PDB file of N, CA and C in Angstrom:
ATOM      1  N   UNK A   1      -6.947  -4.758   6.441  1.00  0.00           N
ATOM      2  CA  UNK A   1      -5.787  -4.721   5.583  1.00  0.00           C
ATOM      3  C   UNK A   1      -6.065  -3.832   4.369  1.00  0.00           C
ATOM      4  N   UNK A   2      -7.223  -3.997   3.763  1.00  0.00           N
ATOM      5  CA  UNK A   2      -7.531  -3.215   2.573  1.00  0.00           C
ATOM      6  C   UNK A   2      -7.766  -1.745   2.895  1.00  0.00           C
ATOM      7  N   UNK A   3      -8.356  -1.465   4.039  1.00  0.00           N
ATOM      8  CA  UNK A   3      -8.533  -0.069   4.462  1.00  0.00           C
ATOM      9  C   UNK A   3      -7.168   0.586   4.650  1.00  0.00           C
ATOM     10  N   UNK A   4      -6.250  -0.129   5.278  1.00  0.00           N
ATOM     11  CA  UNK A   4      -4.890   0.368   5.484  1.00  0.00           C
ATOM     12  C   UNK A   4      -4.203   0.624   4.144  1.00  0.00           C
ATOM     13  N   UNK A   5      -4.263  -0.345   3.240  1.00  0.00           N
ATOM     14  CA  UNK A   5      -3.603  -0.211   1.938  1.00  0.00           C
ATOM     15  C   UNK A   5      -4.209   0.929   1.119  1.00  0.00           C
ATOM     16  N   UNK A   6      -5.514   1.090   1.195  1.00  0.00           N
ATOM     17  CA  UNK A   6      -6.169   2.177   0.455  1.00  0.00           C
ATOM     18  C   UNK A   6      -5.732   3.538   0.993  1.00  0.00           C
ATOM     19  N   UNK A   7      -5.687   3.678   2.319  1.00  0.00           N
ATOM     20  CA  UNK A   7      -5.245   4.949   2.904  1.00  0.00           C
ATOM     21  C   UNK A   7      -3.789   5.224   2.543  1.00  0.00           C
ATOM     22  N   UNK A   8      -2.946   4.211   2.606  1.00  0.00           N
ATOM     23  CA  UNK A   8      -1.542   4.382   2.242  1.00  0.00           C
ATOM     24  C   UNK A   8      -1.400   4.819   0.789  1.00  0.00           C
ATOM     25  N   UNK A   9      -2.254   4.303  -0.072  1.00  0.00           N
ATOM     26  CA  UNK A   9      -2.214   4.639  -1.492  1.00  0.00           C
ATOM     27  C   UNK A   9      -2.742   6.043  -1.764  1.00  0.00           C
ATOM     28  N   UNK A  10      -3.853   6.378  -1.155  1.00  0.00           N
ATOM     29  CA  UNK A  10      -4.521   7.654  -1.467  1.00  0.00           C
ATOM     30  C   UNK A  10      -3.981   8.842  -0.685  1.00  0.00           C
ATOM     31  N   UNK A  11      -3.677   8.640   0.580  1.00  0.00           N
ATOM     32  CA  UNK A  11      -3.244   9.764   1.427  1.00  0.00           C
ATOM     33  C   UNK A  11      -2.089   9.338   2.327  1.00  0.00           C
ATOM     34  N   UNK A  12      -0.947   9.028   1.746  1.00  0.00           N
ATOM     35  CA  UNK A  12       0.166   8.499   2.537  1.00  0.00           C
ATOM     36  C   UNK A  12       0.665   9.443   3.622  1.00  0.00           C
ATOM     37  N   UNK A  13       0.552  10.736   3.417  1.00  0.00           N
ATOM     38  CA  UNK A  13       1.065  11.672   4.429  1.00  0.00           C
ATOM     39  C   UNK A  13       0.201  11.705   5.685  1.00  0.00           C
ATOM     40  N   UNK A  14      -0.967  11.083   5.646  1.00  0.00           N
ATOM     41  CA  UNK A  14      -1.831  11.083   6.827  1.00  0.00           C
ATOM     42  C   UNK A  14      -1.701   9.809   7.664  1.00  0.00           C
ATOM     43  N   UNK A  15      -0.833   8.898   7.255  1.00  0.00           N
ATOM     44  CA  UNK A  15      -0.659   7.649   8.000  1.00  0.00           C
ATOM     45  C   UNK A  15      -0.087   7.937   9.382  1.00  0.00           C
ATOM     46  N   UNK A  16      -0.567   7.170  10.365  1.00  0.00           N
ATOM     47  CA  UNK A  16      -0.110   7.347  11.749  1.00  0.00           C
ATOM     48  C   UNK A  16      -0.053   5.984  12.436  1.00  0.00           C
ATOM     49  N   UNK A  17       0.570   5.950  13.583  1.00  0.00           N
ATOM     50  CA  UNK A  17       0.667   4.721  14.375  1.00  0.00           C
ATOM     51  C   UNK A  17      -0.716   4.121  14.631  1.00  0.00           C
ATOM     52  N   UNK A  18      -1.706   4.962  14.780  1.00  0.00           N
ATOM     53  CA  UNK A  18      -3.062   4.473  15.051  1.00  0.00           C
ATOM     54  C   UNK A  18      -3.640   3.659  13.890  1.00  0.00           C
ATOM     55  N   UNK A  19      -3.107   3.826  12.692  1.00  0.00           N
ATOM     56  CA  UNK A  19      -3.574   3.039  11.546  1.00  0.00           C
ATOM     57  C   UNK A  19      -3.162   1.570  11.667  1.00  0.00           C
ATOM     58  N   UNK A  20      -2.206   1.286  12.526  1.00  0.00           N
ATOM     59  CA  UNK A  20      -1.755  -0.087  12.719  1.00  0.00           C
ATOM     60  C   UNK A  20      -2.620  -0.861  13.705  1.00  0.00           C
ATOM     61  N   UNK A  21      -3.313  -0.159  14.572  1.00  0.00           N
ATOM     62  CA  UNK A  21      -4.093  -0.827  15.613  1.00  0.00           C
ATOM     63  C   UNK A  21      -5.148  -1.787  15.058  1.00  0.00           C
ATOM     64  N   UNK A  22      -5.944  -1.395  14.062  1.00  0.00           N
ATOM     65  CA  UNK A  22      -6.927  -2.353  13.535  1.00  0.00           C
ATOM     66  C   UNK A  22      -6.271  -3.606  12.947  1.00  0.00           C
ATOM     67  N   UNK A  23      -5.089  -3.456  12.368  1.00  0.00           N
ATOM     68  CA  UNK A  23      -4.384  -4.614  11.829  1.00  0.00           C
ATOM     69  C   UNK A  23      -3.960  -5.558  12.947  1.00  0.00           C
ATOM     70  N   UNK A  24      -3.442  -4.982  14.012  1.00  0.00           N
ATOM     71  CA  UNK A  24      -3.005  -5.793  15.159  1.00  0.00           C
ATOM     72  C   UNK A  24      -4.201  -6.466  15.843  1.00  0.00           C
ATOM     73  N   UNK A  25      -5.331  -5.756  15.876  1.00  0.00           N
ATOM     74  CA  UNK A  25      -6.523  -6.299  16.531  1.00  0.00           C
ATOM     75  C   UNK A  25      -7.050  -7.558  15.837  1.00  0.00           C
ATOM     76  N   UNK A  26      -6.802  -7.675  14.533  1.00  0.00           N
ATOM     77  CA  UNK A  26      -7.273  -8.873  13.825  1.00  0.00           C
ATOM     78  C   UNK A  26      -6.172  -9.913  13.655  1.00  0.00           C
ATOM     79  N   UNK A  27      -5.005  -9.668  14.286  1.00  0.00           N
ATOM     80  CA  UNK A  27      -3.994 -10.700  14.356  1.00  0.00           C
ATOM     81  C   UNK A  27      -2.758 -10.535  13.498  1.00  0.00           C
ATOM     82  N   UNK A  28      -2.635  -9.432  12.782  1.00  0.00           N
ATOM     83  CA  UNK A  28      -1.414  -9.221  12.002  1.00  0.00           C
ATOM     84  C   UNK A  28      -0.275  -8.838  12.940  1.00  0.00           C
ATOM     85  N   UNK A  29       0.875  -9.497  12.787  1.00  0.00           N
ATOM     86  CA  UNK A  29       2.048  -9.138  13.583  1.00  0.00           C
ATOM     87  C   UNK A  29       2.874  -8.104  12.816  1.00  0.00           C
ATOM     88  N   UNK A  30       3.984  -7.671  13.414  1.00  0.00           N
ATOM     89  CA  UNK A  30       4.799  -6.620  12.794  1.00  0.00           C
ATOM     90  C   UNK A  30       5.307  -7.022  11.412  1.00  0.00           C
ATOM     91  N   UNK A  31       5.698  -8.273  11.247  1.00  0.00           N
ATOM     92  CA  UNK A  31       6.193  -8.737   9.945  1.00  0.00           C
ATOM     93  C   UNK A  31       5.092  -8.660   8.886  1.00  0.00           C
ATOM     94  N   UNK A  32       3.903  -9.085   9.239  1.00  0.00           N
ATOM     95  CA  UNK A  32       2.786  -9.046   8.294  1.00  0.00           C
ATOM     96  C   UNK A  32       2.427  -7.601   7.941  1.00  0.00           C
ATOM     97  N   UNK A  33       2.446  -6.725   8.925  1.00  0.00           N
ATOM     98  CA  UNK A  33       2.150  -5.310   8.662  1.00  0.00           C
ATOM     99  C   UNK A  33       3.217  -4.719   7.754  1.00  0.00           C
ATOM    100  N   UNK A  34       4.464  -5.062   8.004  1.00  0.00           N
ATOM    101  CA  UNK A  34       5.546  -4.611   7.126  1.00  0.00           C
ATOM    102  C   UNK A  34       5.296  -5.077   5.699  1.00  0.00           C
ATOM    103  N   UNK A  35       4.927  -6.327   5.530  1.00  0.00           N
ATOM    104  CA  UNK A  35       4.690  -6.875   4.198  1.00  0.00           C
ATOM    105  C   UNK A  35       3.519  -6.183   3.506  1.00  0.00           C
ATOM    106  N   UNK A  36       2.443  -5.929   4.236  1.00  0.00           N
ATOM    107  CA  UNK A  36       1.301  -5.209   3.664  1.00  0.00           C
ATOM    108  C   UNK A  36       1.736  -3.830   3.190  1.00  0.00           C
ATOM    109  N   UNK A  37       2.477  -3.133   4.026  1.00  0.00           N
ATOM    110  CA  UNK A  37       2.960  -1.790   3.685  1.00  0.00           C
ATOM    111  C   UNK A  37       3.886  -1.838   2.481  1.00  0.00           C
ATOM    112  N   UNK A  38       4.825  -2.759   2.480  1.00  0.00           N
ATOM    113  CA  UNK A  38       5.801  -2.853   1.390  1.00  0.00           C
ATOM    114  C   UNK A  38       5.129  -3.178   0.062  1.00  0.00           C
ATOM    115  N   UNK A  39       4.177  -4.081   0.065  1.00  0.00           N
ATOM    116  CA  UNK A  39       3.505  -4.452  -1.178  1.00  0.00           C
ATOM    117  C   UNK A  39       2.663  -3.300  -1.703  1.00  0.00           C
ATOM    118  N   UNK A  40       1.904  -2.642  -0.837  1.00  0.00           N
ATOM    119  CA  UNK A  40       1.096  -1.501  -1.277  1.00  0.00           C
ATOM    120  C   UNK A  40       1.988  -0.387  -1.818  1.00  0.00           C
ATOM    121  N   UNK A  41       3.082  -0.103  -1.123  1.00  0.00           N
ATOM    122  CA  UNK A  41       4.006   0.948  -1.565  1.00  0.00           C
ATOM    123  C   UNK A  41       4.679   0.566  -2.877  1.00  0.00           C
ATOM    124  N   UNK A  42       5.050  -0.690  -3.028  1.00  0.00           N
ATOM    125  CA  UNK A  42       5.698  -1.153  -4.260  1.00  0.00           C
ATOM    126  C   UNK A  42       4.770  -0.983  -5.467  1.00  0.00           C
ATOM    127  N   UNK A  43       3.516  -1.386  -5.334  1.00  0.00           N
ATOM    128  CA  UNK A  43       2.585  -1.237  -6.451  1.00  0.00           C
ATOM    129  C   UNK A  43       2.368   0.227  -6.794  1.00  0.00           C
ATOM    130  N   UNK A  44       2.285   1.083  -5.780  1.00  0.00           N
ATOM    131  CA  UNK A  44       2.175   2.516  -6.045  1.00  0.00           C
ATOM    132  C   UNK A  44       3.386   3.032  -6.802  1.00  0.00           C
ATOM    133  N   UNK A  45       4.567   2.602  -6.396  1.00  0.00           N
ATOM    134  CA  UNK A  45       5.815   3.007  -7.045  1.00  0.00           C
ATOM    135  C   UNK A  45       5.846   2.554  -8.503  1.00  0.00           C
ATOM    136  N   UNK A  46       5.563   1.280  -8.727  1.00  0.00           N
ATOM    137  CA  UNK A  46       5.621   0.728 -10.081  1.00  0.00           C
ATOM    138  C   UNK A  46       4.600   1.413 -10.997  1.00  0.00           C
ATOM    139  N   UNK A  47       3.408   1.652 -10.479  1.00  0.00           N
ATOM    140  CA  UNK A  47       2.393   2.322 -11.295  1.00  0.00           C
ATOM    141  C   UNK A  47       2.793   3.747 -11.644  1.00  0.00           C
ATOM    142  N   UNK A  48       3.421   4.456 -10.715  1.00  0.00           N
ATOM    143  CA  UNK A  48       3.850   5.820 -11.011  1.00  0.00           C
ATOM    144  C   UNK A  48       5.004   5.838 -12.013  1.00  0.00           C
ATOM    145  N   UNK A  49       5.898   4.886 -11.926  1.00  0.00           N
ATOM    146  CA  UNK A  49       6.977   4.781 -12.908  1.00  0.00           C
ATOM    147  C   UNK A  49       6.377   4.531 -14.290  1.00  0.00           C
ATOM    148  N   UNK A  50       5.456   3.577 -14.376  1.00  0.00           N
ATOM    149  CA  UNK A  50       4.825   3.264 -15.661  1.00  0.00           C
ATOM    150  C   UNK A  50       4.067   4.471 -16.210  1.00  0.00           C
ATOM    151  N   UNK A  51       3.313   5.148 -15.362  1.00  0.00           N
ATOM    152  CA  UNK A  51       2.585   6.350 -15.805  1.00  0.00           C
ATOM    153  C   UNK A  51       3.555   7.436 -16.252  1.00  0.00           C
ATOM    154  N   UNK A  52       4.626   7.625 -15.499  1.00  0.00           N
ATOM    155  CA  UNK A  52       5.600   8.661 -15.826  1.00  0.00           C
ATOM    156  C   UNK A  52       6.340   8.419 -17.129  1.00  0.00           C
ATOM    157  N   UNK A  53       6.470   7.149 -17.503  1.00  0.00           N
ATOM    158  CA  UNK A  53       7.161   6.804 -18.739  1.00  0.00           C
ATOM    159  C   UNK A  53       6.193   6.561 -19.893  1.00  0.00           C
ATOM    160  N   UNK A  54       4.904   6.715 -19.630  1.00  0.00           N
ATOM    161  CA  UNK A  54       3.913   6.535 -20.685  1.00  0.00           C
ATOM    162  C   UNK A  54       3.717   5.085 -21.116  1.00  0.00           C
ATOM    163  N   UNK A  55       3.989   4.153 -20.229  1.00  0.00           N
ATOM    164  CA  UNK A  55       3.827   2.736 -20.549  1.00  0.00           C
ATOM    165  C   UNK A  55       2.335   2.434 -20.724  1.00  0.00           C
ATOM    166  N   UNK A  56       2.014   1.731 -21.788  1.00  0.00           N
ATOM    167  CA  UNK A  56       0.634   1.329 -22.027  1.00  0.00           C
ATOM    168  C   UNK A  56       0.527  -0.187 -21.921  1.00  0.00           C
ATOM    169  N   UNK A  57      -0.611  -0.650 -21.404  1.00  0.00           N
ATOM    170  CA  UNK A  57      -0.839  -2.084 -21.261  1.00  0.00           C
ATOM    171  C   UNK A  57      -1.091  -2.717 -22.620  1.00  0.00           C
ATOM    172  N   UNK A  58      -0.590  -3.948 -22.762  1.00  0.00           N
ATOM    173  CA  UNK A  58      -0.865  -4.700 -23.976  1.00  0.00           C
ATOM    174  C   UNK A  58      -2.234  -5.342 -23.859  1.00  0.00           C
ATOM    175  N   UNK A  59      -2.964  -5.398 -24.942  1.00  0.00           N
ATOM    176  CA  UNK A  59      -4.256  -6.081 -24.937  1.00  0.00           C
ATOM    177  C   UNK A  59      -4.077  -7.498 -25.420  1.00  0.00           C
ATOM    178  N   UNK A  60      -4.537  -8.444 -24.592  1.00  0.00           N
ATOM    179  CA  UNK A  60      -4.594  -9.834 -24.950  1.00  0.00           C
ATOM    180  C   UNK A  60      -3.333 -10.550 -24.957  1.00  0.00           C
TER     181      UNK A  60
END
């Protein structure tokens, strides 16, 4: 799952159907794979919006 999410985050244009096979081999079904993809993509989206708007984290 983490290998998939990292590849989706770092090199999304290289994703292929074969990237799903390791997930299926360890028991993730289509719904779970969808959720993994959606969550990884959502965090990437939110982080880029925050970076693009210059949002800074609050300390403490």
